[in-house]
Amino acid sequence: MAIGKRVTYLLLAASIIMLLVLTVRATTESFTVPAGEDETILLNLTTGDHVQISFTVTGITTDTLNFYVTDPSGNTFEAFGNVGGLDYSFICSHGGEYALHFSNAASTDDKLVSLDYEVDHYVFGMPQMLFLTLIVLAICMVAVAVFILTSKHPLQPFSKETQEQQT
């Protein structure tokens, strides 16, 4: 096989792997919400994205703050009130920039928030990772079929007659 073909195949394989790796966004971060202030985390979502949010709050006197989510229009999508932690998931109904609001406006001490969130993209009703895996599988099957059909020595069923001819 020519070196040019090997490089092409290597680049194709690397591209497919990178595409598969970039299908899910998972983020973990910790930040401080100062007393009397708010902190906002923005998520750029597309219709059908599945979002999972989990966080915990740590403070000196209390371990709670006001948490709510707004949609791309700025309307409150979900309000949870004062919470010290939360596990929440939703499916994005409209694409755009959603905002996670952590409000510490009613407190006199800073709060540490440990946030984990994951965004799964869906294509044709299935996780994007599964969809891309099926595409890669189909491409591999086509490549094997082309290789078999274009080989100089096509594969033949092995029979006793074939074995006798070889000896």
C-alpha atoms as a PDB file:
ATOM      1  CA  MET A   1       0.000   0.000   0.000  1.00  0.00           C
ATOM      2  CA  ALA A   2       1.380   3.425  -0.908  1.00  0.00           C
ATOM      3  CA  ILE A   3       2.409   5.774   1.880  1.00  0.00           C
ATOM      4  CA  GLY A   4      -0.073   8.373   0.622  1.00  0.00           C
ATOM      5  CA  LYS A   5      -2.949   5.947   1.085  1.00  0.00           C
ATOM      6  CA  ARG A   6      -1.773   5.041   4.587  1.00  0.00           C
ATOM      7  CA  VAL A   7      -1.642   8.704   5.583  1.00  0.00           C
ATOM      8  CA  THR A   8      -5.121   9.261   4.134  1.00  0.00           C
ATOM      9  CA  TYR A   9      -6.542   6.318   6.081  1.00  0.00           C
ATOM     10  CA  LEU A  10      -4.808   7.476   9.253  1.00  0.00           C
ATOM     11  CA  LEU A  11      -6.227  10.994   8.890  1.00  0.00           C
ATOM     12  CA  LEU A  12      -9.694   9.585   8.215  1.00  0.00           C
ATOM     13  CA  ALA A  13      -9.531   7.383  11.315  1.00  0.00           C
ATOM     14  CA  ALA A  14      -8.291  10.297  13.457  1.00  0.00           C
ATOM     15  CA  SER A  15     -11.097  12.518  12.157  1.00  0.00           C
ATOM     16  CA  ILE A  16     -13.737   9.932  13.002  1.00  0.00           C
ATOM     17  CA  ILE A  17     -12.336   9.441  16.500  1.00  0.00           C
ATOM     18  CA  MET A  18     -12.297  13.206  17.117  1.00  0.00           C
ATOM     19  CA  LEU A  19     -15.884  13.471  15.897  1.00  0.00           C
ATOM     20  CA  LEU A  20     -16.963  10.736  18.298  1.00  0.00           C
ATOM     21  CA  VAL A  21     -15.127  12.309  21.229  1.00  0.00           C
ATOM     22  CA  LEU A  22     -16.740  15.719  20.691  1.00  0.00           C
ATOM     23  CA  THR A  23     -20.335  14.455  20.776  1.00  0.00           C
ATOM     24  CA  VAL A  24     -20.874  14.773  24.525  1.00  0.00           C
ATOM     25  CA  ARG A  25     -19.963  17.797  26.579  1.00  0.00           C
ATOM     26  CA  ALA A  26     -19.410  17.088  30.261  1.00  0.00           C
ATOM     27  CA  THR A  27     -18.178  19.874  32.498  1.00  0.00           C
ATOM     28  CA  THR A  28     -17.168  20.011  36.140  1.00  0.00           C
ATOM     29  CA  GLU A  29     -16.335  23.304  37.770  1.00  0.00           C
ATOM     30  CA  SER A  30     -16.271  24.978  41.145  1.00  0.00           C
ATOM     31  CA  PHE A  31     -16.851  28.669  41.681  1.00  0.00           C
ATOM     32  CA  THR A  32     -17.655  31.096  44.475  1.00  0.00           C
ATOM     33  CA  VAL A  33     -20.834  33.145  44.518  1.00  0.00           C
ATOM     34  CA  PRO A  34     -20.037  36.251  46.608  1.00  0.00           C
ATOM     35  CA  ALA A  35     -22.483  37.431  49.284  1.00  0.00           C
ATOM     36  CA  GLY A  36     -25.266  39.550  47.807  1.00  0.00           C
ATOM     37  CA  GLU A  37     -24.423  38.614  44.203  1.00  0.00           C
ATOM     38  CA  ASP A  38     -25.415  36.218  41.424  1.00  0.00           C
ATOM     39  CA  GLU A  39     -23.408  33.886  39.199  1.00  0.00           C
ATOM     40  CA  THR A  40     -24.655  32.741  35.780  1.00  0.00           C
ATOM     41  CA  ILE A  41     -23.486  29.782  33.702  1.00  0.00           C
ATOM     42  CA  LEU A  42     -24.536  29.861  30.025  1.00  0.00           C
ATOM     43  CA  LEU A  43     -25.303  26.717  28.017  1.00  0.00           C
ATOM     44  CA  ASN A  44     -25.669  26.923  24.237  1.00  0.00           C
ATOM     45  CA  LEU A  45     -28.150  24.128  23.438  1.00  0.00           C
ATOM     46  CA  THR A  46     -29.909  22.798  20.373  1.00  0.00           C
ATOM     47  CA  THR A  47     -33.427  21.380  20.200  1.00  0.00           C
ATOM     48  CA  GLY A  48     -33.519  17.830  21.552  1.00  0.00           C
ATOM     49  CA  ASP A  49     -30.370  18.087  23.686  1.00  0.00           C
ATOM     50  CA  HIS A  50     -30.551  16.144  26.953  1.00  0.00           C
ATOM     51  CA  VAL A  51     -29.073  18.110  29.854  1.00  0.00           C
ATOM     52  CA  GLN A  52     -28.119  16.725  33.269  1.00  0.00           C
ATOM     53  CA  ILE A  53     -27.228  19.138  36.059  1.00  0.00           C
ATOM     54  CA  SER A  54     -25.895  18.323  39.500  1.00  0.00           C
ATOM     55  CA  PHE A  55     -24.464  20.708  42.090  1.00  0.00           C
ATOM     56  CA  THR A  56     -23.759  21.157  45.791  1.00  0.00           C
ATOM     57  CA  VAL A  57     -23.473  24.366  47.784  1.00  0.00           C
ATOM     58  CA  THR A  58     -21.135  24.973  50.716  1.00  0.00           C
ATOM     59  CA  GLY A  59     -21.267  28.078  52.903  1.00  0.00           C
ATOM     60  CA  ILE A  60     -20.153  29.277  56.334  1.00  0.00           C
ATOM     61  CA  THR A  61     -23.577  29.742  57.961  1.00  0.00           C
ATOM     62  CA  THR A  62     -25.921  28.084  55.460  1.00  0.00           C
ATOM     63  CA  ASP A  63     -25.427  25.720  52.560  1.00  0.00           C
ATOM     64  CA  THR A  64     -28.185  27.048  50.292  1.00  0.00           C
ATOM     65  CA  LEU A  65     -28.717  29.567  47.521  1.00  0.00           C
ATOM     66  CA  ASN A  66     -31.494  30.413  45.070  1.00  0.00           C
ATOM     67  CA  PHE A  67     -31.243  28.430  41.817  1.00  0.00           C
ATOM     68  CA  TYR A  68     -33.263  28.826  38.636  1.00  0.00           C
ATOM     69  CA  VAL A  69     -32.913  28.185  34.893  1.00  0.00           C
ATOM     70  CA  THR A  70     -33.930  30.615  32.133  1.00  0.00           C
ATOM     71  CA  ASP A  71     -34.623  29.806  28.482  1.00  0.00           C
ATOM     72  CA  PRO A  72     -33.245  31.678  25.432  1.00  0.00           C
ATOM     73  CA  SER A  73     -36.099  34.218  25.695  1.00  0.00           C
ATOM     74  CA  GLY A  74     -35.076  35.072  29.269  1.00  0.00           C
ATOM     75  CA  ASN A  75     -38.170  33.454  30.787  1.00  0.00           C
ATOM     76  CA  THR A  76     -37.764  31.354  33.907  1.00  0.00           C
ATOM     77  CA  PHE A  77     -37.745  27.787  32.663  1.00  0.00           C
ATOM     78  CA  GLU A  78     -37.541  26.156  36.100  1.00  0.00           C
ATOM     79  CA  ALA A  79     -37.253  27.701  39.594  1.00  0.00           C
ATOM     80  CA  PHE A  80     -36.061  25.640  42.550  1.00  0.00           C
ATOM     81  CA  GLY A  81     -35.840  28.289  45.281  1.00  0.00           C
ATOM     82  CA  ASN A  82     -33.251  27.944  48.034  1.00  0.00           C
ATOM     83  CA  VAL A  83     -31.440  24.632  47.637  1.00  0.00           C
ATOM     84  CA  GLY A  84     -28.205  23.187  48.959  1.00  0.00           C
ATOM     85  CA  GLY A  85     -27.782  20.727  46.145  1.00  0.00           C
ATOM     86  CA  LEU A  86     -29.682  19.393  43.196  1.00  0.00           C
ATOM     87  CA  ASP A  87     -29.807  16.641  40.592  1.00  0.00           C
ATOM     88  CA  TYR A  88     -31.922  17.787  37.652  1.00  0.00           C
ATOM     89  CA  SER A  89     -32.298  16.882  34.001  1.00  0.00           C
ATOM     90  CA  PHE A  90     -34.342  18.224  31.109  1.00  0.00           C
ATOM     91  CA  ILE A  91     -34.725  17.962  27.350  1.00  0.00           C
ATOM     92  CA  CYS A  92     -34.191  21.191  25.443  1.00  0.00           C
ATOM     93  CA  SER A  93     -37.371  22.143  23.583  1.00  0.00           C
ATOM     94  CA  HIS A  94     -35.992  25.271  21.872  1.00  0.00           C
ATOM     95  CA  GLY A  95     -32.434  25.833  20.762  1.00  0.00           C
ATOM     96  CA  GLY A  96     -30.478  28.782  22.097  1.00  0.00           C
ATOM     97  CA  GLU A  97     -28.646  30.010  25.155  1.00  0.00           C
ATOM     98  CA  TYR A  98     -30.014  28.703  28.457  1.00  0.00           C
ATOM     99  CA  ALA A  99     -28.757  30.209  31.705  1.00  0.00           C
ATOM    100  CA  LEU A 100     -28.166  28.553  35.074  1.00  0.00           C
ATOM    101  CA  HIS A 101     -28.608  31.230  37.754  1.00  0.00           C
ATOM    102  CA  PHE A 102     -27.062  30.866  41.197  1.00  0.00           C
ATOM    103  CA  SER A 103     -28.310  33.754  43.347  1.00  0.00           C
ATOM    104  CA  ASN A 104     -26.710  34.515  46.695  1.00  0.00           C
ATOM    105  CA  ALA A 105     -28.465  37.890  47.012  1.00  0.00           C
ATOM    106  CA  ALA A 106     -30.095  37.129  50.393  1.00  0.00           C
ATOM    107  CA  SER A 107     -26.928  35.926  52.120  1.00  0.00           C
ATOM    108  CA  THR A 108     -24.135  37.642  54.024  1.00  0.00           C
ATOM    109  CA  ASP A 109     -21.517  34.969  53.344  1.00  0.00           C
ATOM    110  CA  ASP A 110     -19.908  33.632  50.179  1.00  0.00           C
ATOM    111  CA  LYS A 111     -20.989  30.227  48.845  1.00  0.00           C
ATOM    112  CA  LEU A 112     -18.860  27.642  47.058  1.00  0.00           C
ATOM    113  CA  VAL A 113     -20.710  25.814  44.270  1.00  0.00           C
ATOM    114  CA  SER A 114     -19.464  22.518  42.833  1.00  0.00           C
ATOM    115  CA  LEU A 115     -21.256  22.079  39.512  1.00  0.00           C
ATOM    116  CA  ASP A 116     -21.367  19.117  37.127  1.00  0.00           C
ATOM    117  CA  TYR A 117     -23.368  19.239  33.928  1.00  0.00           C
ATOM    118  CA  GLU A 118     -23.532  17.107  30.819  1.00  0.00           C
ATOM    119  CA  VAL A 119     -25.102  17.839  27.438  1.00  0.00           C
ATOM    120  CA  ASP A 120     -25.975  14.895  25.183  1.00  0.00           C
ATOM    121  CA  HIS A 121     -26.837  15.714  21.576  1.00  0.00           C
ATOM    122  CA  TYR A 122     -29.504  13.638  19.813  1.00  0.00           C
ATOM    123  CA  VAL A 123     -29.830  12.986  16.062  1.00  0.00           C
ATOM    124  CA  PHE A 124     -32.969  11.372  14.624  1.00  0.00           C
ATOM    125  CA  GLY A 125     -34.122  10.483  18.147  1.00  0.00           C
ATOM    126  CA  MET A 126     -30.949   8.608  19.112  1.00  0.00           C
ATOM    127  CA  PRO A 127     -27.830   9.719  20.986  1.00  0.00           C
ATOM    128  CA  GLN A 128     -25.370  11.330  18.616  1.00  0.00           C
ATOM    129  CA  MET A 129     -22.647   8.915  19.756  1.00  0.00           C
ATOM    130  CA  LEU A 130     -24.761   5.921  18.723  1.00  0.00           C
ATOM    131  CA  PHE A 131     -25.698   7.583  15.433  1.00  0.00           C
ATOM    132  CA  LEU A 132     -22.056   8.277  14.544  1.00  0.00           C
ATOM    133  CA  THR A 133     -21.039   4.766  15.589  1.00  0.00           C
ATOM    134  CA  LEU A 134     -23.636   3.320  13.210  1.00  0.00           C
ATOM    135  CA  ILE A 135     -22.333   5.553  10.408  1.00  0.00           C
ATOM    136  CA  VAL A 136     -18.742   4.427  11.041  1.00  0.00           C
ATOM    137  CA  LEU A 137     -19.899   0.798  11.086  1.00  0.00           C
ATOM    138  CA  ALA A 138     -21.732   1.267   7.770  1.00  0.00           C
ATOM    139  CA  ILE A 139     -18.661   2.904   6.202  1.00  0.00           C
ATOM    140  CA  CYS A 140     -16.466   0.015   7.377  1.00  0.00           C
ATOM    141  CA  MET A 141     -18.892  -2.532   5.941  1.00  0.00           C
ATOM    142  CA  VAL A 142     -18.925  -0.717   2.594  1.00  0.00           C
ATOM    143  CA  ALA A 143     -15.109  -0.549   2.593  1.00  0.00           C
ATOM    144  CA  VAL A 144     -14.832  -4.293   3.253  1.00  0.00           C
ATOM    145  CA  ALA A 145     -17.374  -5.011   0.502  1.00  0.00           C
ATOM    146  CA  VAL A 146     -15.463  -2.819  -1.974  1.00  0.00           C
ATOM    147  CA  PHE A 147     -12.200  -4.518  -1.010  1.00  0.00           C
ATOM    148  CA  ILE A 148     -13.681  -7.974  -1.548  1.00  0.00           C
ATOM    149  CA  LEU A 149     -15.306  -7.044  -4.845  1.00  0.00           C
ATOM    150  CA  THR A 150     -12.193  -5.389  -6.254  1.00  0.00           C
ATOM    151  CA  SER A 151      -9.571  -7.874  -5.037  1.00  0.00           C
ATOM    152  CA  LYS A 152      -7.541  -9.728  -7.677  1.00  0.00           C
ATOM    153  CA  HIS A 153      -8.272 -13.074  -6.052  1.00  0.00           C
ATOM    154  CA  PRO A 154     -11.942 -13.127  -5.098  1.00  0.00           C
ATOM    155  CA  LEU A 155     -12.848 -15.270  -2.147  1.00  0.00           C
ATOM    156  CA  GLN A 156     -14.300 -18.598  -3.167  1.00  0.00           C
ATOM    157  CA  PRO A 157     -16.074 -21.147  -1.042  1.00  0.00           C
ATOM    158  CA  PHE A 158     -13.712 -23.810   0.187  1.00  0.00           C
ATOM    159  CA  SER A 159     -14.745 -27.267  -0.939  1.00  0.00           C
ATOM    160  CA  LYS A 160     -13.121 -30.684  -1.297  1.00  0.00           C
ATOM    161  CA  GLU A 161     -12.723 -30.113  -5.033  1.00  0.00           C
ATOM    162  CA  THR A 162     -10.830 -26.896  -4.388  1.00  0.00           C
ATOM    163  CA  GLN A 163      -8.629 -28.643  -1.871  1.00  0.00           C
ATOM    164  CA  GLU A 164      -7.868 -31.448  -4.327  1.00  0.00           C
ATOM    165  CA  GLN A 165      -6.946 -28.924  -7.023  1.00  0.00           C
ATOM    166  CA  GLN A 166      -4.497 -27.214  -4.685  1.00  0.00           C
ATOM    167  CA  THR A 167      -2.652 -30.467  -3.919  1.00  0.00           C
END
